[in-house]
Amino acid sequence: MPPVAALQAPTFTTWNIVDMVNADAASPGEPHSVGILRGCALEILPGRLWRAQADLAIAGVFLDDPSPDALAGFTNGVAESLSHLRAAGLFSGNLCETLLISKPPVPLPADALLIVGLGTPDSVSAATVRRAFHMATEHVALLRVAHVACDFDAIWVHRSADSVMPLCAAALGGIEAGLRDGTGRLQRWSFLTSGCDAAALAGHFRSALDRDRDRSDGAA
């Protein structure tokens, strides 16, 4: 795994938003198990993030994206509030930039929503993916949650299997780095996907997890 470089200390920009969701969307489908990483169960869930039952929902968004797909299903209040925050220079989607939306209304199954910046689409690499997931996991540690649901579909959608595999490995590396630092109660991590084949994505993650274990066993 590549080292984490210039990882900023986790800080929160917080914003309370009302009228967040569209109650007409369907709940996520059946989970596809990936495996266990440092005591945390990993799975792929087909569906949209806003319908996921979890303590914390995490959405990955690109720099200055006016309508991030990870937030599809939320009402216009979220997009409008993000636009205001971006105009004020409080959030843009730079790599590892974060925005915590606390106290969501009752229709949202998750207790809170964390938005993580992914930088620009053409800058996506194993190194940037690892940093984004490490940052997300450090925030999970601060919030001391047991179940996380995330949508980082923007990273792997429309990519070939050969290019997705290193990004899955990088995501696992970032999560593992955060887990190694200590995340308290974290027991389950669900990757939501609506733009990828859930079973295929789970296969990529399982292969990445198995390869990492093989390397660890060989080094032991």
C-alpha atoms as a PDB file:
ATOM      1  CA  MET A   1       0.000   0.000   0.000  1.00  0.00           C
ATOM      2  CA  PRO A   2       1.336   3.512  -0.786  1.00  0.00           C
ATOM      3  CA  PRO A   3       2.005   5.694   2.260  1.00  0.00           C
ATOM      4  CA  VAL A   4      -0.450   8.378   3.278  1.00  0.00           C
ATOM      5  CA  ALA A   5       1.132  11.734   2.448  1.00  0.00           C
ATOM      6  CA  ALA A   6       0.209  15.120   3.884  1.00  0.00           C
ATOM      7  CA  LEU A   7      -2.919  13.851   5.601  1.00  0.00           C
ATOM      8  CA  GLN A   8      -4.605  16.797   7.232  1.00  0.00           C
ATOM      9  CA  ALA A   9      -5.898  16.609  10.782  1.00  0.00           C
ATOM     10  CA  PRO A  10      -9.614  15.768  10.854  1.00  0.00           C
ATOM     11  CA  THR A  11     -11.718  18.897  11.264  1.00  0.00           C
ATOM     12  CA  PHE A  12     -15.440  19.395  10.794  1.00  0.00           C
ATOM     13  CA  THR A  13     -17.391  21.998   8.930  1.00  0.00           C
ATOM     14  CA  THR A  14     -20.901  21.487  10.265  1.00  0.00           C
ATOM     15  CA  TRP A  15     -24.215  22.477   8.707  1.00  0.00           C
ATOM     16  CA  ASN A  16     -27.768  21.651   9.690  1.00  0.00           C
ATOM     17  CA  ILE A  17     -30.088  21.087   6.739  1.00  0.00           C
ATOM     18  CA  VAL A  18     -33.832  20.448   6.773  1.00  0.00           C
ATOM     19  CA  ASP A  19     -36.067  18.868   4.138  1.00  0.00           C
ATOM     20  CA  MET A  20     -33.242  16.600   3.000  1.00  0.00           C
ATOM     21  CA  VAL A  21     -34.793  13.595   1.330  1.00  0.00           C
ATOM     22  CA  ASN A  22     -37.235  12.346  -1.249  1.00  0.00           C
ATOM     23  CA  ALA A  23     -39.335   9.642   0.416  1.00  0.00           C
ATOM     24  CA  ASP A  24     -40.208   7.901  -2.868  1.00  0.00           C
ATOM     25  CA  ALA A  25     -36.889   6.080  -3.466  1.00  0.00           C
ATOM     26  CA  ALA A  26     -36.441   2.376  -2.786  1.00  0.00           C
ATOM     27  CA  SER A  27     -34.376   0.931   0.062  1.00  0.00           C
ATOM     28  CA  PRO A  28     -30.976  -0.666  -0.685  1.00  0.00           C
ATOM     29  CA  GLY A  29     -30.897  -4.256  -1.908  1.00  0.00           C
ATOM     30  CA  GLU A  30     -29.291  -7.352  -0.448  1.00  0.00           C
ATOM     31  CA  PRO A  31     -25.679  -6.992   0.757  1.00  0.00           C
ATOM     32  CA  HIS A  32     -22.692  -8.652  -0.900  1.00  0.00           C
ATOM     33  CA  SER A  33     -20.120  -9.581   1.721  1.00  0.00           C
ATOM     34  CA  VAL A  34     -16.497  -8.538   1.162  1.00  0.00           C
ATOM     35  CA  GLY A  35     -14.809  -9.795   4.325  1.00  0.00           C
ATOM     36  CA  ILE A  36     -13.417  -8.623   7.642  1.00  0.00           C
ATOM     37  CA  LEU A  37     -10.812  -5.887   7.976  1.00  0.00           C
ATOM     38  CA  ARG A  38      -9.394  -5.406  11.478  1.00  0.00           C
ATOM     39  CA  GLY A  39     -12.656  -6.594  13.052  1.00  0.00           C
ATOM     40  CA  CYS A  40     -14.887  -4.488  10.771  1.00  0.00           C
ATOM     41  CA  ALA A  41     -17.282  -6.303   8.417  1.00  0.00           C
ATOM     42  CA  LEU A  42     -17.181  -4.912   4.861  1.00  0.00           C
ATOM     43  CA  GLU A  43     -20.032  -5.235   2.351  1.00  0.00           C
ATOM     44  CA  ILE A  44     -21.370  -3.817  -0.907  1.00  0.00           C
ATOM     45  CA  LEU A  45     -25.002  -2.651  -0.941  1.00  0.00           C
ATOM     46  CA  PRO A  46     -26.876  -1.860  -4.174  1.00  0.00           C
ATOM     47  CA  GLY A  47     -28.887   1.333  -3.773  1.00  0.00           C
ATOM     48  CA  ARG A  48     -28.773   4.977  -2.823  1.00  0.00           C
ATOM     49  CA  LEU A  49     -26.970   6.392   0.174  1.00  0.00           C
ATOM     50  CA  TRP A  50     -29.837   8.368   1.667  1.00  0.00           C
ATOM     51  CA  ARG A  51     -31.876   5.176   2.203  1.00  0.00           C
ATOM     52  CA  ALA A  52     -29.125   3.244   4.005  1.00  0.00           C
ATOM     53  CA  GLN A  53     -29.662   2.321   7.642  1.00  0.00           C
ATOM     54  CA  ALA A  54     -26.457   3.373   9.405  1.00  0.00           C
ATOM     55  CA  ASP A  55     -25.082   5.525  12.187  1.00  0.00           C
ATOM     56  CA  LEU A  56     -23.210   7.679   9.674  1.00  0.00           C
ATOM     57  CA  ALA A  57     -23.645   8.186   5.927  1.00  0.00           C
ATOM     58  CA  ILE A  58     -20.560   9.314   3.969  1.00  0.00           C
ATOM     59  CA  ALA A  59     -20.685  10.772   0.463  1.00  0.00           C
ATOM     60  CA  GLY A  60     -17.643  11.319  -1.757  1.00  0.00           C
ATOM     61  CA  VAL A  61     -17.960  14.367  -4.050  1.00  0.00           C
ATOM     62  CA  PHE A  62     -15.716  15.899  -6.680  1.00  0.00           C
ATOM     63  CA  LEU A  63     -14.465  19.465  -6.653  1.00  0.00           C
ATOM     64  CA  ASP A  64     -17.200  21.983  -7.515  1.00  0.00           C
ATOM     65  CA  ASP A  65     -19.615  19.278  -8.724  1.00  0.00           C
ATOM     66  CA  PRO A  66     -23.015  21.048  -8.668  1.00  0.00           C
ATOM     67  CA  SER A  67     -25.040  17.821  -8.392  1.00  0.00           C
ATOM     68  CA  PRO A  68     -22.998  14.932  -6.934  1.00  0.00           C
ATOM     69  CA  ASP A  69     -24.490  11.544  -7.773  1.00  0.00           C
ATOM     70  CA  ALA A  70     -23.760  10.337  -4.229  1.00  0.00           C
ATOM     71  CA  LEU A  71     -26.372  12.823  -2.990  1.00  0.00           C
ATOM     72  CA  ALA A  72     -29.051  11.798  -5.502  1.00  0.00           C
ATOM     73  CA  GLY A  73     -32.352  11.278  -3.684  1.00  0.00           C
ATOM     74  CA  PHE A  74     -31.771  14.142  -1.285  1.00  0.00           C
ATOM     75  CA  THR A  75     -33.952  17.183  -1.939  1.00  0.00           C
ATOM     76  CA  ASN A  76     -32.758  20.404  -3.504  1.00  0.00           C
ATOM     77  CA  GLY A  77     -32.069  21.784  -0.030  1.00  0.00           C
ATOM     78  CA  VAL A  78     -28.781  19.884   0.120  1.00  0.00           C
ATOM     79  CA  ALA A  79     -27.571  21.011  -3.318  1.00  0.00           C
ATOM     80  CA  GLU A  80     -28.585  24.601  -2.628  1.00  0.00           C
ATOM     81  CA  SER A  81     -26.865  24.618   0.749  1.00  0.00           C
ATOM     82  CA  LEU A  82     -23.702  23.145  -0.796  1.00  0.00           C
ATOM     83  CA  SER A  83     -23.788  25.879  -3.438  1.00  0.00           C
ATOM     84  CA  HIS A  84     -24.017  28.542  -0.723  1.00  0.00           C
ATOM     85  CA  LEU A  85     -21.155  26.977   1.221  1.00  0.00           C
ATOM     86  CA  ARG A  86     -19.018  26.779  -1.908  1.00  0.00           C
ATOM     87  CA  ALA A  87     -19.771  30.394  -2.786  1.00  0.00           C
ATOM     88  CA  ALA A  88     -18.718  31.386   0.731  1.00  0.00           C
ATOM     89  CA  GLY A  89     -15.500  29.378   0.432  1.00  0.00           C
ATOM     90  CA  LEU A  90     -16.484  27.013   3.259  1.00  0.00           C
ATOM     91  CA  PHE A  91     -16.600  23.828   1.173  1.00  0.00           C
ATOM     92  CA  SER A  92     -15.564  23.073  -2.397  1.00  0.00           C
ATOM     93  CA  GLY A  93     -14.787  19.348  -2.630  1.00  0.00           C
ATOM     94  CA  ASN A  94     -11.002  19.607  -2.501  1.00  0.00           C
ATOM     95  CA  LEU A  95      -9.293  16.327  -1.665  1.00  0.00           C
ATOM     96  CA  CYS A  96      -9.955  15.357   1.984  1.00  0.00           C
ATOM     97  CA  GLU A  97     -12.077  18.453   2.650  1.00  0.00           C
ATOM     98  CA  THR A  98     -15.028  17.523   4.867  1.00  0.00           C
ATOM     99  CA  LEU A  99     -18.511  18.757   5.666  1.00  0.00           C
ATOM    100  CA  LEU A 100     -20.581  17.228   8.472  1.00  0.00           C
ATOM    101  CA  ILE A 101     -24.351  17.617   8.217  1.00  0.00           C
ATOM    102  CA  SER A 102     -25.660  16.980  11.717  1.00  0.00           C
ATOM    103  CA  LYS A 103     -29.146  16.436  13.093  1.00  0.00           C
ATOM    104  CA  PRO A 104     -30.798  15.286   9.857  1.00  0.00           C
ATOM    105  CA  PRO A 105     -34.602  15.064   9.815  1.00  0.00           C
ATOM    106  CA  VAL A 106     -36.447  11.847  10.666  1.00  0.00           C
ATOM    107  CA  PRO A 107     -36.812  10.571   7.034  1.00  0.00           C
ATOM    108  CA  LEU A 108     -33.021  10.038   6.787  1.00  0.00           C
ATOM    109  CA  PRO A 109     -32.136   6.627   8.314  1.00  0.00           C
ATOM    110  CA  ALA A 110     -28.557   7.680   9.164  1.00  0.00           C
ATOM    111  CA  ASP A 111     -27.896   9.844  12.216  1.00  0.00           C
ATOM    112  CA  ALA A 112     -25.580  12.201  10.308  1.00  0.00           C
ATOM    113  CA  LEU A 113     -24.108  12.802   6.850  1.00  0.00           C
ATOM    114  CA  LEU A 114     -20.398  13.384   6.208  1.00  0.00           C
ATOM    115  CA  ILE A 115     -19.365  14.733   2.796  1.00  0.00           C
ATOM    116  CA  VAL A 116     -15.737  14.111   1.783  1.00  0.00           C
ATOM    117  CA  GLY A 117     -14.003  15.946  -1.041  1.00  0.00           C
ATOM    118  CA  LEU A 118     -12.351  13.808  -3.743  1.00  0.00           C
ATOM    119  CA  GLY A 119     -10.598  16.578  -5.676  1.00  0.00           C
ATOM    120  CA  THR A 120     -10.980  16.708  -9.457  1.00  0.00           C
ATOM    121  CA  PRO A 121     -12.123  13.676 -11.488  1.00  0.00           C
ATOM    122  CA  ASP A 122      -8.912  13.604 -13.531  1.00  0.00           C
ATOM    123  CA  SER A 123      -6.789  13.555 -10.363  1.00  0.00           C
ATOM    124  CA  VAL A 124      -8.212  10.252  -9.060  1.00  0.00           C
ATOM    125  CA  SER A 125      -5.428   7.793  -8.241  1.00  0.00           C
ATOM    126  CA  ALA A 126      -4.675   5.103  -5.693  1.00  0.00           C
ATOM    127  CA  ALA A 127      -2.923   7.729  -3.561  1.00  0.00           C
ATOM    128  CA  THR A 128      -5.871  10.172  -3.538  1.00  0.00           C
ATOM    129  CA  VAL A 129      -8.405   7.397  -2.875  1.00  0.00           C
ATOM    130  CA  ARG A 130      -6.338   6.119   0.052  1.00  0.00           C
ATOM    131  CA  ARG A 131      -6.125   9.608   1.534  1.00  0.00           C
ATOM    132  CA  ALA A 132      -9.874  10.241   1.161  1.00  0.00           C
ATOM    133  CA  PHE A 133     -10.794   6.971   2.863  1.00  0.00           C
ATOM    134  CA  HIS A 134      -8.217   7.507   5.609  1.00  0.00           C
ATOM    135  CA  MET A 135      -9.703  10.932   6.279  1.00  0.00           C
ATOM    136  CA  ALA A 136     -13.232   9.504   6.325  1.00  0.00           C
ATOM    137  CA  THR A 137     -12.183   6.777   8.767  1.00  0.00           C
ATOM    138  CA  GLU A 138     -10.533   9.294  11.086  1.00  0.00           C
ATOM    139  CA  HIS A 139     -13.819  11.185  11.244  1.00  0.00           C
ATOM    140  CA  VAL A 140     -15.587   7.911  11.991  1.00  0.00           C
ATOM    141  CA  ALA A 141     -13.228   7.534  14.939  1.00  0.00           C
ATOM    142  CA  LEU A 142     -14.102  10.970  16.265  1.00  0.00           C
ATOM    143  CA  LEU A 143     -17.831  10.264  15.982  1.00  0.00           C
ATOM    144  CA  ARG A 144     -17.438   6.786  17.551  1.00  0.00           C
ATOM    145  CA  VAL A 145     -20.067   5.106  15.353  1.00  0.00           C
ATOM    146  CA  ALA A 146     -20.629   1.366  14.875  1.00  0.00           C
ATOM    147  CA  HIS A 147     -22.008   1.285  11.298  1.00  0.00           C
ATOM    148  CA  VAL A 148     -20.939   3.426   8.342  1.00  0.00           C
ATOM    149  CA  ALA A 149     -22.630   3.545   4.934  1.00  0.00           C
ATOM    150  CA  CYS A 150     -20.695   5.327   2.177  1.00  0.00           C
ATOM    151  CA  ASP A 151     -21.176   6.207  -1.483  1.00  0.00           C
ATOM    152  CA  PHE A 152     -17.911   6.754  -3.360  1.00  0.00           C
ATOM    153  CA  ASP A 153     -19.338   5.483  -6.666  1.00  0.00           C
ATOM    154  CA  ALA A 154     -17.841   8.488  -8.434  1.00  0.00           C
ATOM    155  CA  ILE A 155     -14.427   6.853  -7.998  1.00  0.00           C
ATOM    156  CA  TRP A 156     -15.072   3.489  -9.675  1.00  0.00           C
ATOM    157  CA  VAL A 157     -18.063   3.971 -11.974  1.00  0.00           C
ATOM    158  CA  HIS A 158     -17.319   3.735 -15.732  1.00  0.00           C
ATOM    159  CA  ARG A 159     -13.868   2.261 -15.106  1.00  0.00           C
ATOM    160  CA  SER A 160     -12.460  -1.028 -16.332  1.00  0.00           C
ATOM    161  CA  ALA A 161     -11.966  -3.940 -13.956  1.00  0.00           C
ATOM    162  CA  ASP A 162      -8.197  -3.533 -14.213  1.00  0.00           C
ATOM    163  CA  SER A 163      -8.380   0.102 -13.112  1.00  0.00           C
ATOM    164  CA  VAL A 164     -10.971  -0.482 -10.371  1.00  0.00           C
ATOM    165  CA  MET A 165      -8.904  -3.116  -8.546  1.00  0.00           C
ATOM    166  CA  PRO A 166      -6.065  -0.761  -7.462  1.00  0.00           C
ATOM    167  CA  LEU A 167      -8.617   1.825  -6.323  1.00  0.00           C
ATOM    168  CA  CYS A 168     -10.442  -0.771  -4.209  1.00  0.00           C
ATOM    169  CA  ALA A 169      -7.109  -1.773  -2.687  1.00  0.00           C
ATOM    170  CA  ALA A 170      -6.353   1.891  -1.974  1.00  0.00           C
ATOM    171  CA  ALA A 171      -9.742   2.376  -0.310  1.00  0.00           C
ATOM    172  CA  LEU A 172      -9.100  -0.630   1.926  1.00  0.00           C
ATOM    173  CA  GLY A 173      -5.643   0.713   2.710  1.00  0.00           C
ATOM    174  CA  GLY A 174      -7.101   4.024   3.821  1.00  0.00           C
ATOM    175  CA  ILE A 175      -9.724   2.354   5.975  1.00  0.00           C
ATOM    176  CA  GLU A 176      -7.150   0.026   7.492  1.00  0.00           C
ATOM    177  CA  ALA A 177      -4.864   2.947   8.335  1.00  0.00           C
ATOM    178  CA  GLY A 178      -7.741   4.610  10.183  1.00  0.00           C
ATOM    179  CA  LEU A 179      -8.695   1.390  11.935  1.00  0.00           C
ATOM    180  CA  ARG A 180      -5.094   0.871  12.977  1.00  0.00           C
ATOM    181  CA  ASP A 181      -5.171   4.329  14.545  1.00  0.00           C
ATOM    182  CA  GLY A 182      -8.218   3.205  16.556  1.00  0.00           C
ATOM    183  CA  THR A 183     -11.889   3.817  15.732  1.00  0.00           C
ATOM    184  CA  GLY A 184     -13.562   2.697  18.920  1.00  0.00           C
ATOM    185  CA  ARG A 185     -16.887   1.082  18.086  1.00  0.00           C
ATOM    186  CA  LEU A 186     -16.741   0.571  14.302  1.00  0.00           C
ATOM    187  CA  GLN A 187     -18.144  -2.852  13.380  1.00  0.00           C
ATOM    188  CA  ARG A 188     -19.613  -2.558   9.877  1.00  0.00           C
ATOM    189  CA  TRP A 189     -18.779  -0.617   6.705  1.00  0.00           C
ATOM    190  CA  SER A 190     -21.271  -0.644   3.813  1.00  0.00           C
ATOM    191  CA  PHE A 191     -20.283   0.602   0.357  1.00  0.00           C
ATOM    192  CA  LEU A 192     -23.433   1.806  -1.451  1.00  0.00           C
ATOM    193  CA  THR A 193     -23.478   1.597  -5.237  1.00  0.00           C
ATOM    194  CA  SER A 194     -26.092   2.529  -7.813  1.00  0.00           C
ATOM    195  CA  GLY A 195     -23.823   2.953 -10.830  1.00  0.00           C
ATOM    196  CA  CYS A 196     -21.837  -0.301 -10.597  1.00  0.00           C
ATOM    197  CA  ASP A 197     -22.718  -3.979 -10.554  1.00  0.00           C
ATOM    198  CA  ALA A 198     -22.754  -4.691  -6.816  1.00  0.00           C
ATOM    199  CA  ALA A 199     -21.641  -8.317  -7.123  1.00  0.00           C
ATOM    200  CA  ALA A 200     -18.766  -7.383  -9.443  1.00  0.00           C
ATOM    201  CA  LEU A 201     -17.639  -4.536  -7.180  1.00  0.00           C
ATOM    202  CA  ALA A 202     -17.742  -6.877  -4.181  1.00  0.00           C
ATOM    203  CA  GLY A 203     -15.550  -9.292  -6.140  1.00  0.00           C
ATOM    204  CA  HIS A 204     -12.987  -6.541  -6.782  1.00  0.00           C
ATOM    205  CA  PHE A 205     -12.915  -5.636  -3.103  1.00  0.00           C
ATOM    206  CA  ARG A 206     -12.606  -9.296  -2.049  1.00  0.00           C
ATOM    207  CA  SER A 207      -9.713  -9.814  -4.450  1.00  0.00           C
ATOM    208  CA  ALA A 208      -7.987  -6.683  -3.144  1.00  0.00           C
ATOM    209  CA  LEU A 209      -8.497  -7.821   0.448  1.00  0.00           C
ATOM    210  CA  ASP A 210      -7.195 -11.322  -0.315  1.00  0.00           C
ATOM    211  CA  ARG A 211      -4.107  -9.981  -2.105  1.00  0.00           C
ATOM    212  CA  ASP A 212      -3.311  -7.725   0.835  1.00  0.00           C
ATOM    213  CA  ARG A 213      -3.602 -10.659   3.205  1.00  0.00           C
ATOM    214  CA  ASP A 214      -1.374 -12.780   0.963  1.00  0.00           C
ATOM    215  CA  ARG A 215       1.284 -10.060   1.038  1.00  0.00           C
ATOM    216  CA  SER A 216       0.969  -9.766   4.819  1.00  0.00           C
ATOM    217  CA  ASP A 217       1.295 -13.551   5.234  1.00  0.00           C
ATOM    218  CA  GLY A 218       4.343 -13.595   2.984  1.00  0.00           C
ATOM    219  CA  ALA A 219       6.009 -10.850   4.988  1.00  0.00           C
ATOM    220  CA  ALA A 220       5.307 -12.551   8.329  1.00  0.00           C
END
